[in-house]
């Protein structure tokens, strides 16, 4: 195996991953509309975590429903949590 193939494979992986994340972000508004018409999404589907990410936390999201719920994501939601459909309160 050529030593140059590993960086190329790594670069291709990172490019694909970046495109997938960008695609998820682009589709988030559609997921929100679909979630309102159907059941809520599973936390795993939106990469929910109990910790904030880059200063974004559920308590600052327009979908958060105090004290511990979300209009989009099913289950117990921490005010300090975060997920991929996070949207700043307007």
C-alpha atoms as a PDB file:
ATOM      1  CA  UNK A   1       0.000   0.000   0.000  1.00  0.00           C
ATOM      2  CA  UNK A   2       1.357   3.399  -0.962  1.00  0.00           C
ATOM      3  CA  UNK A   3       2.017   5.858   1.885  1.00  0.00           C
ATOM      4  CA  UNK A   4       0.160   8.546  -0.064  1.00  0.00           C
ATOM      5  CA  UNK A   5      -3.099   6.581  -0.147  1.00  0.00           C
ATOM      6  CA  UNK A   6      -3.727   6.966   3.609  1.00  0.00           C
ATOM      7  CA  UNK A   7      -3.881  10.803   3.574  1.00  0.00           C
ATOM      8  CA  UNK A   8      -6.050  10.646   0.469  1.00  0.00           C
ATOM      9  CA  UNK A   9      -8.425   8.172   2.106  1.00  0.00           C
ATOM     10  CA  UNK A  10      -8.533  10.301   5.252  1.00  0.00           C
ATOM     11  CA  UNK A  11      -9.207  13.434   3.199  1.00  0.00           C
ATOM     12  CA  UNK A  12     -12.007  11.691   1.280  1.00  0.00           C
ATOM     13  CA  UNK A  13     -13.552  10.492   4.553  1.00  0.00           C
ATOM     14  CA  UNK A  14     -13.444  13.990   6.052  1.00  0.00           C
ATOM     15  CA  UNK A  15     -14.963  15.480   2.912  1.00  0.00           C
ATOM     16  CA  UNK A  16     -17.819  12.951   2.923  1.00  0.00           C
ATOM     17  CA  UNK A  17     -18.411  13.520   6.636  1.00  0.00           C
ATOM     18  CA  UNK A  18     -18.467  17.282   6.126  1.00  0.00           C
ATOM     19  CA  UNK A  19     -20.989  16.927   3.329  1.00  0.00           C
ATOM     20  CA  UNK A  20     -23.199  14.725   5.500  1.00  0.00           C
ATOM     21  CA  UNK A  21     -23.166  17.242   8.357  1.00  0.00           C
ATOM     22  CA  UNK A  22     -23.917  20.075   5.925  1.00  0.00           C
ATOM     23  CA  UNK A  23     -26.761  18.027   4.453  1.00  0.00           C
ATOM     24  CA  UNK A  24     -28.212  17.407   7.902  1.00  0.00           C
ATOM     25  CA  UNK A  25     -28.083  21.112   8.684  1.00  0.00           C
ATOM     26  CA  UNK A  26     -29.754  21.927   5.372  1.00  0.00           C
ATOM     27  CA  UNK A  27     -32.530  19.405   6.024  1.00  0.00           C
ATOM     28  CA  UNK A  28     -33.183  20.484   9.621  1.00  0.00           C
ATOM     29  CA  UNK A  29     -36.045  22.880   8.703  1.00  0.00           C
ATOM     30  CA  UNK A  30     -37.794  20.053   6.854  1.00  0.00           C
ATOM     31  CA  UNK A  31     -37.309  17.718   9.818  1.00  0.00           C
ATOM     32  CA  UNK A  32     -38.910  20.336  12.044  1.00  0.00           C
ATOM     33  CA  UNK A  33     -41.978  20.623   9.801  1.00  0.00           C
ATOM     34  CA  UNK A  34     -42.255  16.838   9.551  1.00  0.00           C
ATOM     35  CA  UNK A  35     -41.891  16.417  13.317  1.00  0.00           C
ATOM     36  CA  UNK A  36     -44.819  18.742  13.954  1.00  0.00           C
ATOM     37  CA  UNK A  37     -47.017  16.690  11.661  1.00  0.00           C
ATOM     38  CA  UNK A  38     -45.847  13.349  13.086  1.00  0.00           C
ATOM     39  CA  UNK A  39     -44.426  11.916  16.290  1.00  0.00           C
ATOM     40  CA  UNK A  40     -41.362  13.477  17.861  1.00  0.00           C
ATOM     41  CA  UNK A  41     -37.885  12.391  16.772  1.00  0.00           C
ATOM     42  CA  UNK A  42     -35.705  10.037  18.779  1.00  0.00           C
ATOM     43  CA  UNK A  43     -32.808  11.814  20.485  1.00  0.00           C
ATOM     44  CA  UNK A  44     -30.311   9.671  18.553  1.00  0.00           C
ATOM     45  CA  UNK A  45     -31.704  10.932  15.237  1.00  0.00           C
ATOM     46  CA  UNK A  46     -30.740  14.527  16.066  1.00  0.00           C
ATOM     47  CA  UNK A  47     -27.470  13.744  17.886  1.00  0.00           C
ATOM     48  CA  UNK A  48     -28.941  14.904  21.223  1.00  0.00           C
ATOM     49  CA  UNK A  49     -26.451  15.266  24.078  1.00  0.00           C
ATOM     50  CA  UNK A  50     -26.905  16.393  27.693  1.00  0.00           C
ATOM     51  CA  UNK A  51     -24.132  19.012  27.435  1.00  0.00           C
ATOM     52  CA  UNK A  52     -24.130  22.326  25.536  1.00  0.00           C
ATOM     53  CA  UNK A  53     -22.190  22.629  22.289  1.00  0.00           C
ATOM     54  CA  UNK A  54     -20.266  25.773  21.402  1.00  0.00           C
ATOM     55  CA  UNK A  55     -22.412  27.867  23.730  1.00  0.00           C
ATOM     56  CA  UNK A  56     -25.676  26.510  22.317  1.00  0.00           C
ATOM     57  CA  UNK A  57     -27.990  24.894  24.851  1.00  0.00           C
ATOM     58  CA  UNK A  58     -31.592  23.701  24.763  1.00  0.00           C
ATOM     59  CA  UNK A  59     -32.770  26.467  27.090  1.00  0.00           C
ATOM     60  CA  UNK A  60     -31.815  28.970  24.358  1.00  0.00           C
ATOM     61  CA  UNK A  61     -33.579  27.038  21.571  1.00  0.00           C
ATOM     62  CA  UNK A  62     -36.940  28.014  20.124  1.00  0.00           C
ATOM     63  CA  UNK A  63     -38.133  24.394  20.378  1.00  0.00           C
ATOM     64  CA  UNK A  64     -37.403  23.975  24.106  1.00  0.00           C
ATOM     65  CA  UNK A  65     -40.458  23.599  26.350  1.00  0.00           C
ATOM     66  CA  UNK A  66     -39.612  24.260  30.025  1.00  0.00           C
ATOM     67  CA  UNK A  67     -38.904  22.616  32.306  1.00  0.00           C
ATOM     68  CA  UNK A  68     -37.523  19.609  30.369  1.00  0.00           C
ATOM     69  CA  UNK A  69     -39.236  18.956  27.029  1.00  0.00           C
ATOM     70  CA  UNK A  70     -38.831  19.747  23.331  1.00  0.00           C
ATOM     71  CA  UNK A  71     -41.361  20.300  20.570  1.00  0.00           C
ATOM     72  CA  UNK A  72     -39.296  18.121  18.218  1.00  0.00           C
ATOM     73  CA  UNK A  73     -37.277  15.629  20.261  1.00  0.00           C
ATOM     74  CA  UNK A  74     -38.880  12.905  22.360  1.00  0.00           C
ATOM     75  CA  UNK A  75     -37.967  12.261  25.978  1.00  0.00           C
ATOM     76  CA  UNK A  76     -36.563  14.150  28.919  1.00  0.00           C
ATOM     77  CA  UNK A  77     -34.546  17.118  27.602  1.00  0.00           C
ATOM     78  CA  UNK A  78     -31.954  18.875  29.738  1.00  0.00           C
ATOM     79  CA  UNK A  79     -32.009  22.699  29.588  1.00  0.00           C
ATOM     80  CA  UNK A  80     -28.226  22.411  29.219  1.00  0.00           C
ATOM     81  CA  UNK A  81     -28.449  19.867  26.381  1.00  0.00           C
ATOM     82  CA  UNK A  82     -27.985  20.338  22.624  1.00  0.00           C
ATOM     83  CA  UNK A  83     -29.035  18.672  19.349  1.00  0.00           C
ATOM     84  CA  UNK A  84     -28.577  19.148  15.598  1.00  0.00           C
ATOM     85  CA  UNK A  85     -31.924  20.938  15.138  1.00  0.00           C
ATOM     86  CA  UNK A  86     -31.026  23.655  17.655  1.00  0.00           C
ATOM     87  CA  UNK A  87     -32.392  27.054  16.579  1.00  0.00           C
ATOM     88  CA  UNK A  88     -31.873  30.281  18.488  1.00  0.00           C
ATOM     89  CA  UNK A  89     -34.915  31.830  20.091  1.00  0.00           C
ATOM     90  CA  UNK A  90     -36.077  34.627  17.855  1.00  0.00           C
END
